[in-house]
């Protein structure tokens, strides 16, 4: 699985270089609310990413993305005493695509999220998103998921993106 995702990212980047068309580099930050199974163990998520997308025509862009995502562990007390869940960190590496229509855009990222903290094996990473461009600044909403062996770490995200 890791090899397939890596090869897909390399293929997309190679296609873009072969076309030698101008693309854009962007960096972003996001905050998120955990959803699904992971919301029982974490309180919120913060992330940052960097992407380079090549233009394929006037509206379509494809490229690669590298990101950092941290889910902050929850803590509490119950009838058995105090408990605390450690933070969960990922390094998503993905192919990225986007369609631009005037000021609006929609797209997605697909790849592999490498688990950073001990015992975290990572998993398949996917992140569909929609947004609005305000010049070099973009505001986007997305759903992100990392799936491994039937368990999904997911969140609903709101982010800002700056095009360099």
N, C-alpha and C. Protein backbone atom coordinates (compact mmCIF):
# COMPACT_ATOMS: atom_id res chain seq x y z
N UNK A 1 0.83 -1.19 0.00
CA UNK A 1 0.00 0.00 0.00
C UNK A 1 0.87 1.26 0.00
N UNK A 2 1.88 1.30 0.88
CA UNK A 2 2.75 2.47 0.95
C UNK A 2 3.45 2.69 -0.39
N UNK A 3 3.92 1.59 -1.03
CA UNK A 3 4.60 1.71 -2.31
C UNK A 3 3.67 2.26 -3.38
N UNK A 4 2.43 1.78 -3.41
CA UNK A 4 1.47 2.24 -4.42
C UNK A 4 1.19 3.72 -4.29
N UNK A 5 0.99 4.19 -3.06
CA UNK A 5 0.71 5.61 -2.84
C UNK A 5 1.93 6.44 -3.21
N UNK A 6 3.10 5.99 -2.80
CA UNK A 6 4.33 6.71 -3.13
C UNK A 6 4.51 6.81 -4.64
N UNK A 7 4.29 5.70 -5.35
CA UNK A 7 4.43 5.71 -6.80
C UNK A 7 3.40 6.63 -7.46
N UNK A 8 2.20 6.68 -6.92
CA UNK A 8 1.17 7.58 -7.46
C UNK A 8 1.59 9.03 -7.30
N UNK A 9 2.11 9.39 -6.13
CA UNK A 9 2.57 10.76 -5.89
C UNK A 9 3.71 11.11 -6.84
N UNK A 10 4.67 10.21 -7.00
CA UNK A 10 5.79 10.45 -7.90
C UNK A 10 5.30 10.59 -9.34
N UNK A 11 4.35 9.76 -9.76
CA UNK A 11 3.81 9.84 -11.12
C UNK A 11 3.14 11.18 -11.38
N UNK A 12 2.35 11.65 -10.42
CA UNK A 12 1.67 12.95 -10.58
C UNK A 12 2.69 14.07 -10.68
N UNK A 13 3.71 14.03 -9.82
CA UNK A 13 4.73 15.07 -9.86
C UNK A 13 5.51 15.03 -11.18
N UNK A 14 5.81 13.84 -11.67
CA UNK A 14 6.54 13.69 -12.92
C UNK A 14 5.72 14.21 -14.10
N UNK A 15 4.42 13.91 -14.12
CA UNK A 15 3.56 14.42 -15.19
C UNK A 15 3.57 15.94 -15.19
N UNK A 16 3.52 16.52 -14.03
CA UNK A 16 3.52 17.98 -13.95
C UNK A 16 4.83 18.57 -14.43
N UNK A 17 5.94 17.96 -14.07
CA UNK A 17 7.24 18.44 -14.53
C UNK A 17 7.38 18.28 -16.04
N UNK A 18 6.87 17.17 -16.57
CA UNK A 18 6.96 16.93 -18.01
C UNK A 18 6.17 17.97 -18.79
N UNK A 19 5.06 18.41 -18.25
CA UNK A 19 4.25 19.44 -18.91
C UNK A 19 4.90 20.81 -18.80
N UNK A 20 5.75 21.00 -17.81
CA UNK A 20 6.48 22.25 -17.58
C UNK A 20 5.55 23.46 -17.55
N UNK A 21 4.37 23.27 -17.04
CA UNK A 21 3.44 24.38 -16.94
C UNK A 21 3.57 25.00 -15.56
N UNK A 22 3.25 26.27 -15.52
CA UNK A 22 3.34 26.99 -14.25
C UNK A 22 2.33 26.42 -13.25
N UNK A 23 2.74 26.29 -12.02
CA UNK A 23 1.86 25.83 -10.97
C UNK A 23 1.87 26.82 -9.84
N UNK A 24 1.40 26.38 -8.69
CA UNK A 24 1.46 27.27 -7.53
C UNK A 24 1.79 26.49 -6.28
N UNK A 25 2.51 27.15 -5.42
CA UNK A 25 2.90 26.61 -4.12
C UNK A 25 2.01 27.27 -3.08
N UNK A 26 1.50 26.48 -2.15
CA UNK A 26 0.66 27.05 -1.10
C UNK A 26 1.01 26.41 0.24
N UNK A 27 0.81 27.18 1.29
CA UNK A 27 0.96 26.68 2.65
C UNK A 27 -0.34 26.98 3.39
N UNK A 28 -0.69 26.12 4.33
CA UNK A 28 -1.95 26.32 5.03
C UNK A 28 -1.90 25.85 6.47
N UNK A 29 -2.87 26.33 7.22
CA UNK A 29 -3.08 25.90 8.61
C UNK A 29 -4.56 25.61 8.78
N UNK A 30 -4.87 24.71 9.71
CA UNK A 30 -6.28 24.38 9.94
C UNK A 30 -6.52 23.97 11.39
N UNK A 31 -7.75 24.14 11.79
CA UNK A 31 -8.23 23.65 13.06
C UNK A 31 -9.39 22.71 12.77
N UNK A 32 -9.60 21.73 13.63
CA UNK A 32 -10.63 20.74 13.31
C UNK A 32 -11.28 20.17 14.56
N UNK A 33 -12.47 19.64 14.34
CA UNK A 33 -13.22 18.92 15.37
C UNK A 33 -13.18 17.44 15.00
N UNK A 34 -12.65 16.58 15.88
CA UNK A 34 -12.63 15.14 15.59
C UNK A 34 -14.05 14.59 15.44
N UNK A 35 -14.21 13.62 14.54
CA UNK A 35 -15.51 12.98 14.33
C UNK A 35 -15.35 11.47 14.40
N UNK A 36 -16.46 10.78 14.41
CA UNK A 36 -16.43 9.32 14.40
C UNK A 36 -15.83 8.73 15.66
N UNK A 37 -15.15 7.60 15.48
CA UNK A 37 -14.61 6.83 16.60
C UNK A 37 -13.59 7.61 17.44
N UNK A 38 -12.81 8.46 16.80
CA UNK A 38 -11.71 9.14 17.49
C UNK A 38 -12.19 10.26 18.40
N UNK A 39 -13.42 10.76 18.21
CA UNK A 39 -13.89 11.87 19.03
C UNK A 39 -14.04 11.48 20.50
N UNK A 40 -14.10 10.19 20.79
CA UNK A 40 -14.19 9.73 22.18
C UNK A 40 -12.85 9.87 22.91
N UNK A 41 -11.76 9.99 22.14
CA UNK A 41 -10.42 9.96 22.73
C UNK A 41 -9.63 11.25 22.55
N UNK A 42 -10.11 12.15 21.67
CA UNK A 42 -9.38 13.38 21.38
C UNK A 42 -10.30 14.59 21.48
N UNK A 43 -9.72 15.76 21.69
CA UNK A 43 -10.53 16.97 21.88
C UNK A 43 -10.57 17.87 20.65
N UNK A 44 -9.45 18.04 19.98
CA UNK A 44 -9.42 18.85 18.76
C UNK A 44 -8.17 18.50 17.95
N UNK A 45 -8.06 19.08 16.77
CA UNK A 45 -6.96 18.79 15.86
C UNK A 45 -6.42 20.08 15.28
N UNK A 46 -5.11 20.16 15.16
CA UNK A 46 -4.45 21.26 14.46
C UNK A 46 -3.58 20.67 13.36
N UNK A 47 -3.50 21.38 12.24
CA UNK A 47 -2.71 20.87 11.14
C UNK A 47 -2.05 21.98 10.35
N UNK A 48 -1.05 21.60 9.58
CA UNK A 48 -0.36 22.51 8.67
C UNK A 48 0.00 21.70 7.43
N UNK A 49 0.02 22.36 6.27
CA UNK A 49 0.38 21.65 5.06
C UNK A 49 1.09 22.55 4.06
N UNK A 50 1.77 21.91 3.13
CA UNK A 50 2.41 22.60 2.01
C UNK A 50 2.10 21.78 0.77
N UNK A 51 1.72 22.46 -0.31
CA UNK A 51 1.35 21.76 -1.54
C UNK A 51 1.92 22.50 -2.75
N UNK A 52 2.22 21.73 -3.78
CA UNK A 52 2.56 22.32 -5.07
C UNK A 52 1.68 21.63 -6.10
N UNK A 53 0.90 22.43 -6.81
CA UNK A 53 0.01 21.90 -7.84
C UNK A 53 0.35 22.54 -9.18
N UNK A 54 0.47 21.68 -10.20
CA UNK A 54 0.73 22.12 -11.57
C UNK A 54 -0.59 22.38 -12.27
N UNK A 55 -0.62 23.38 -13.12
CA UNK A 55 -1.82 23.67 -13.90
C UNK A 55 -1.95 22.69 -15.06
N UNK A 56 -3.11 22.08 -15.17
CA UNK A 56 -3.46 21.26 -16.33
C UNK A 56 -4.64 21.97 -16.99
N UNK A 57 -4.36 22.93 -17.81
CA UNK A 57 -5.41 23.77 -18.37
C UNK A 57 -5.64 24.95 -17.44
N UNK A 58 -6.76 25.63 -17.66
CA UNK A 58 -7.03 26.84 -16.88
C UNK A 58 -7.73 26.56 -15.55
N UNK A 59 -8.40 25.43 -15.42
CA UNK A 59 -9.19 25.19 -14.21
C UNK A 59 -8.70 24.04 -13.33
N UNK A 60 -7.94 23.12 -13.89
CA UNK A 60 -7.55 21.91 -13.16
C UNK A 60 -6.08 21.99 -12.75
N UNK A 61 -5.82 21.59 -11.50
CA UNK A 61 -4.46 21.53 -10.97
C UNK A 61 -4.24 20.17 -10.32
N UNK A 62 -3.05 19.60 -10.50
CA UNK A 62 -2.66 18.37 -9.82
C UNK A 62 -1.25 18.54 -9.27
N UNK A 63 -0.96 17.83 -8.20
CA UNK A 63 0.36 17.95 -7.60
C UNK A 63 0.53 17.06 -6.39
N UNK A 64 1.31 17.53 -5.46
CA UNK A 64 1.62 16.76 -4.26
C UNK A 64 1.48 17.64 -3.02
N UNK A 65 1.24 16.98 -1.90
CA UNK A 65 1.03 17.67 -0.63
C UNK A 65 1.75 16.92 0.48
N UNK A 66 2.34 17.67 1.39
CA UNK A 66 2.90 17.12 2.62
C UNK A 66 2.28 17.90 3.77
N UNK A 67 1.92 17.21 4.84
CA UNK A 67 1.20 17.88 5.93
C UNK A 67 1.65 17.34 7.28
N UNK A 68 1.22 18.04 8.31
CA UNK A 68 1.39 17.58 9.70
C UNK A 68 0.03 17.71 10.36
N UNK A 69 -0.38 16.69 11.08
CA UNK A 69 -1.68 16.70 11.75
C UNK A 69 -1.53 16.17 13.16
N UNK A 70 -2.05 16.91 14.13
CA UNK A 70 -1.98 16.48 15.53
C UNK A 70 -3.36 16.50 16.16
N UNK A 71 -3.78 15.32 16.63
CA UNK A 71 -5.01 15.19 17.41
C UNK A 71 -4.61 15.24 18.88
N UNK A 72 -5.21 16.15 19.63
CA UNK A 72 -4.88 16.31 21.04
C UNK A 72 -5.72 15.36 21.88
N UNK A 73 -5.03 14.55 22.69
CA UNK A 73 -5.69 13.55 23.50
C UNK A 73 -6.56 14.14 24.59
N UNK A 74 -7.59 13.41 24.94
CA UNK A 74 -8.54 13.82 25.98
C UNK A 74 -8.09 13.26 27.33
N UNK A 75 -8.68 13.76 28.39
CA UNK A 75 -8.43 13.23 29.73
C UNK A 75 -9.70 13.37 30.54
N UNK A 76 -9.77 12.65 31.64
CA UNK A 76 -10.96 12.73 32.48
C UNK A 76 -10.88 11.77 33.64
N UNK A 77 -12.01 11.64 34.30
CA UNK A 77 -12.13 10.72 35.43
C UNK A 77 -13.41 9.92 35.28
N UNK A 78 -13.36 8.68 35.74
CA UNK A 78 -14.55 7.85 35.79
C UNK A 78 -14.49 7.02 37.07
N UNK A 79 -15.35 6.01 37.16
CA UNK A 79 -15.39 5.21 38.39
C UNK A 79 -14.10 4.43 38.64
N UNK A 80 -13.24 4.32 37.63
CA UNK A 80 -11.98 3.59 37.78
C UNK A 80 -10.80 4.50 38.07
N UNK A 81 -11.02 5.82 38.08
CA UNK A 81 -9.95 6.77 38.35
C UNK A 81 -9.71 7.71 37.19
N UNK A 82 -8.56 8.36 37.22
CA UNK A 82 -8.20 9.32 36.18
C UNK A 82 -7.64 8.59 34.95
N UNK A 83 -7.85 9.18 33.79
CA UNK A 83 -7.30 8.63 32.55
C UNK A 83 -6.87 9.77 31.63
N UNK A 84 -5.91 9.46 30.78
CA UNK A 84 -5.40 10.45 29.83
C UNK A 84 -4.96 9.74 28.55
N UNK A 85 -5.37 10.28 27.42
CA UNK A 85 -4.99 9.74 26.12
C UNK A 85 -3.88 10.63 25.54
N UNK A 86 -2.80 10.02 25.08
CA UNK A 86 -1.70 10.78 24.49
C UNK A 86 -2.11 11.37 23.14
N UNK A 87 -1.44 12.45 22.75
CA UNK A 87 -1.69 13.06 21.44
C UNK A 87 -1.33 12.07 20.33
N UNK A 88 -1.99 12.23 19.19
CA UNK A 88 -1.76 11.37 18.03
C UNK A 88 -1.29 12.26 16.88
N UNK A 89 -0.12 11.93 16.31
CA UNK A 89 0.45 12.76 15.24
C UNK A 89 0.62 11.95 13.95
N UNK A 90 0.37 12.64 12.83
CA UNK A 90 0.52 12.04 11.51
C UNK A 90 1.29 12.97 10.58
N UNK A 91 1.95 12.37 9.59
CA UNK A 91 2.60 13.10 8.51
C UNK A 91 1.99 12.61 7.19
N UNK A 92 0.90 13.24 6.73
CA UNK A 92 0.28 12.82 5.47
C UNK A 92 1.13 13.24 4.26
N UNK A 93 1.30 12.31 3.32
CA UNK A 93 1.97 12.56 2.04
C UNK A 93 0.98 12.12 0.97
N UNK A 94 0.60 13.03 0.08
CA UNK A 94 -0.51 12.71 -0.81
C UNK A 94 -0.41 13.36 -2.18
N UNK A 95 -1.09 12.75 -3.14
CA UNK A 95 -1.36 13.39 -4.42
C UNK A 95 -2.51 14.35 -4.16
N UNK A 96 -2.51 15.48 -4.86
CA UNK A 96 -3.52 16.51 -4.61
C UNK A 96 -4.08 16.99 -5.95
N UNK A 97 -5.38 17.19 -6.01
CA UNK A 97 -6.02 17.70 -7.23
C UNK A 97 -7.04 18.75 -6.85
N UNK A 98 -7.25 19.68 -7.78
CA UNK A 98 -8.18 20.78 -7.50
C UNK A 98 -8.78 21.28 -8.81
N UNK A 99 -10.06 21.65 -8.76
CA UNK A 99 -10.75 22.29 -9.89
C UNK A 99 -11.17 23.67 -9.43
N UNK A 100 -10.79 24.69 -10.19
CA UNK A 100 -11.11 26.08 -9.87
C UNK A 100 -12.23 26.58 -10.78
N UNK A 101 -13.25 27.18 -10.19
CA UNK A 101 -14.34 27.80 -10.94
C UNK A 101 -14.53 29.20 -10.37
N UNK A 102 -14.02 30.18 -11.10
CA UNK A 102 -14.01 31.57 -10.66
C UNK A 102 -13.29 31.64 -9.31
N UNK A 103 -13.94 32.15 -8.27
CA UNK A 103 -13.29 32.26 -6.96
C UNK A 103 -13.37 30.98 -6.15
N UNK A 104 -14.18 30.03 -6.57
CA UNK A 104 -14.41 28.82 -5.79
C UNK A 104 -13.53 27.67 -6.28
N UNK A 105 -13.27 26.71 -5.39
CA UNK A 105 -12.52 25.53 -5.78
C UNK A 105 -13.02 24.32 -5.01
N UNK A 106 -12.79 23.16 -5.60
CA UNK A 106 -13.12 21.88 -4.97
C UNK A 106 -12.02 20.90 -5.37
N UNK A 107 -11.71 19.99 -4.48
CA UNK A 107 -10.66 19.04 -4.80
C UNK A 107 -10.51 17.99 -3.72
N UNK A 108 -9.36 17.38 -3.73
CA UNK A 108 -9.10 16.36 -2.74
C UNK A 108 -7.65 15.91 -2.74
N UNK A 109 -7.28 15.27 -1.65
CA UNK A 109 -5.94 14.72 -1.47
C UNK A 109 -6.09 13.23 -1.16
N UNK A 110 -5.21 12.42 -1.70
CA UNK A 110 -5.24 10.98 -1.46
C UNK A 110 -3.82 10.48 -1.34
N UNK A 111 -3.53 9.78 -0.24
CA UNK A 111 -2.18 9.29 -0.04
C UNK A 111 -2.07 8.41 1.19
N UNK A 112 -0.95 8.53 1.87
CA UNK A 112 -0.68 7.74 3.07
C UNK A 112 -0.25 8.68 4.19
N UNK A 113 -0.83 8.50 5.37
CA UNK A 113 -0.45 9.28 6.54
C UNK A 113 0.49 8.42 7.39
N UNK A 114 1.72 8.84 7.49
CA UNK A 114 2.72 8.14 8.29
C UNK A 114 2.45 8.46 9.76
N UNK A 115 2.34 7.44 10.60
CA UNK A 115 2.17 7.66 12.03
C UNK A 115 3.49 8.08 12.65
N UNK A 116 3.47 9.16 13.43
CA UNK A 116 4.70 9.69 14.00
C UNK A 116 4.94 9.18 15.42
N UNK A 117 3.91 9.21 16.25
CA UNK A 117 4.11 8.81 17.64
C UNK A 117 4.22 7.28 17.77
N UNK A 118 4.75 6.83 18.89
CA UNK A 118 5.00 5.41 19.12
C UNK A 118 3.71 4.60 19.03
N UNK A 119 3.77 3.49 18.32
CA UNK A 119 2.62 2.61 18.17
C UNK A 119 1.63 3.03 17.10
N UNK A 120 1.87 4.15 16.45
CA UNK A 120 0.96 4.68 15.42
C UNK A 120 1.47 4.21 14.06
N UNK A 121 0.74 3.31 13.43
CA UNK A 121 1.17 2.74 12.15
C UNK A 121 0.73 3.55 10.95
N UNK A 122 -0.06 4.60 11.15
CA UNK A 122 -0.53 5.40 10.03
C UNK A 122 -1.63 4.70 9.28
N UNK A 123 -1.93 5.18 8.06
CA UNK A 123 -2.97 4.57 7.25
C UNK A 123 -3.30 5.37 6.01
N UNK A 124 -4.27 4.88 5.25
CA UNK A 124 -4.73 5.54 4.04
C UNK A 124 -5.29 6.91 4.39
N UNK A 125 -4.84 7.93 3.69
CA UNK A 125 -5.23 9.32 3.96
C UNK A 125 -6.08 9.85 2.81
N UNK A 126 -7.19 10.49 3.15
CA UNK A 126 -8.04 11.13 2.14
C UNK A 126 -8.62 12.41 2.72
N UNK A 127 -8.77 13.41 1.86
CA UNK A 127 -9.26 14.70 2.34
C UNK A 127 -9.94 15.48 1.20
N UNK A 128 -11.25 15.28 1.02
CA UNK A 128 -11.97 16.13 0.07
C UNK A 128 -12.15 17.53 0.67
N UNK A 129 -12.13 18.56 -0.20
CA UNK A 129 -12.26 19.92 0.31
C UNK A 129 -12.95 20.84 -0.69
N UNK A 130 -13.53 21.92 -0.17
CA UNK A 130 -14.11 23.00 -0.97
C UNK A 130 -13.64 24.31 -0.36
N UNK A 131 -13.59 25.36 -1.19
CA UNK A 131 -13.13 26.63 -0.64
C UNK A 131 -13.40 27.80 -1.55
N UNK A 132 -12.99 28.97 -1.05
CA UNK A 132 -13.14 30.24 -1.75
C UNK A 132 -11.80 30.95 -1.74
N UNK A 133 -11.40 31.48 -2.90
CA UNK A 133 -10.16 32.25 -3.01
C UNK A 133 -10.44 33.74 -2.85
N UNK A 134 -9.59 34.40 -2.09
CA UNK A 134 -9.60 35.85 -1.93
C UNK A 134 -8.20 36.34 -2.30
N UNK A 135 -7.90 36.34 -3.59
CA UNK A 135 -6.55 36.68 -4.03
C UNK A 135 -5.59 35.58 -3.65
N UNK A 136 -4.54 35.92 -2.92
CA UNK A 136 -3.54 34.92 -2.50
C UNK A 136 -4.00 34.11 -1.29
N UNK A 137 -5.08 34.52 -0.65
CA UNK A 137 -5.60 33.83 0.53
C UNK A 137 -6.82 33.00 0.15
N UNK A 138 -6.90 31.79 0.69
CA UNK A 138 -8.05 30.93 0.47
C UNK A 138 -8.59 30.44 1.80
N UNK A 139 -9.90 30.29 1.88
CA UNK A 139 -10.56 29.73 3.05
C UNK A 139 -11.19 28.42 2.59
N UNK A 140 -10.92 27.33 3.32
CA UNK A 140 -11.46 26.06 2.89
C UNK A 140 -12.02 25.24 4.03
N UNK A 141 -13.00 24.43 3.69
CA UNK A 141 -13.58 23.46 4.60
C UNK A 141 -13.31 22.08 4.05
N UNK A 142 -13.11 21.13 4.94
CA UNK A 142 -12.79 19.78 4.46
C UNK A 142 -13.16 18.74 5.51
N UNK A 143 -13.16 17.50 5.05
CA UNK A 143 -13.28 16.34 5.91
C UNK A 143 -12.02 15.54 5.68
N UNK A 144 -11.33 15.16 6.74
CA UNK A 144 -10.13 14.34 6.57
C UNK A 144 -10.31 13.01 7.28
N UNK A 145 -9.75 11.98 6.67
CA UNK A 145 -9.83 10.66 7.26
C UNK A 145 -8.52 9.91 7.08
N UNK A 146 -8.17 9.13 8.08
CA UNK A 146 -7.02 8.24 8.02
C UNK A 146 -7.54 6.88 8.46
N UNK A 147 -7.47 5.90 7.55
CA UNK A 147 -8.08 4.61 7.81
C UNK A 147 -7.03 3.51 7.83
N UNK A 148 -7.10 2.67 8.86
CA UNK A 148 -6.22 1.51 8.95
C UNK A 148 -6.96 0.39 9.66
N UNK A 149 -7.03 -0.74 9.03
CA UNK A 149 -7.63 -1.94 9.62
C UNK A 149 -9.03 -1.68 10.15
N UNK A 150 -9.84 -0.91 9.43
CA UNK A 150 -11.22 -0.68 9.82
C UNK A 150 -11.42 0.41 10.85
N UNK A 151 -10.36 1.02 11.36
CA UNK A 151 -10.48 2.11 12.33
C UNK A 151 -10.16 3.41 11.61
N UNK A 152 -11.01 4.42 11.78
CA UNK A 152 -10.82 5.69 11.09
C UNK A 152 -10.59 6.82 12.07
N UNK A 153 -9.55 7.59 11.82
CA UNK A 153 -9.27 8.82 12.54
C UNK A 153 -9.74 9.93 11.61
N UNK A 154 -10.79 10.66 12.00
CA UNK A 154 -11.38 11.64 11.08
C UNK A 154 -11.69 12.95 11.78
N UNK A 155 -11.87 14.00 10.95
CA UNK A 155 -12.16 15.32 11.50
C UNK A 155 -12.83 16.19 10.44
N UNK A 156 -13.57 17.18 10.90
CA UNK A 156 -14.12 18.22 10.04
C UNK A 156 -13.25 19.45 10.27
N UNK A 157 -12.67 19.97 9.17
CA UNK A 157 -11.64 21.00 9.25
C UNK A 157 -12.08 22.34 8.67
N UNK A 158 -11.53 23.41 9.22
CA UNK A 158 -11.66 24.75 8.65
C UNK A 158 -10.25 25.31 8.58
N UNK A 159 -9.85 25.77 7.39
CA UNK A 159 -8.47 26.20 7.24
C UNK A 159 -8.28 27.45 6.41
N UNK A 160 -7.07 27.99 6.51
CA UNK A 160 -6.62 29.12 5.70
C UNK A 160 -5.43 28.66 4.87
N UNK A 161 -5.37 29.14 3.63
CA UNK A 161 -4.30 28.77 2.73
C UNK A 161 -3.72 30.03 2.10
N UNK A 162 -2.40 30.08 2.01
CA UNK A 162 -1.74 31.23 1.40
C UNK A 162 -0.96 30.75 0.19
N UNK A 163 -1.22 31.35 -0.96
CA UNK A 163 -0.52 30.99 -2.19
C UNK A 163 0.72 31.86 -2.35
N UNK A 164 1.85 31.20 -2.49
CA UNK A 164 3.13 31.92 -2.60
C UNK A 164 3.48 32.11 -4.07
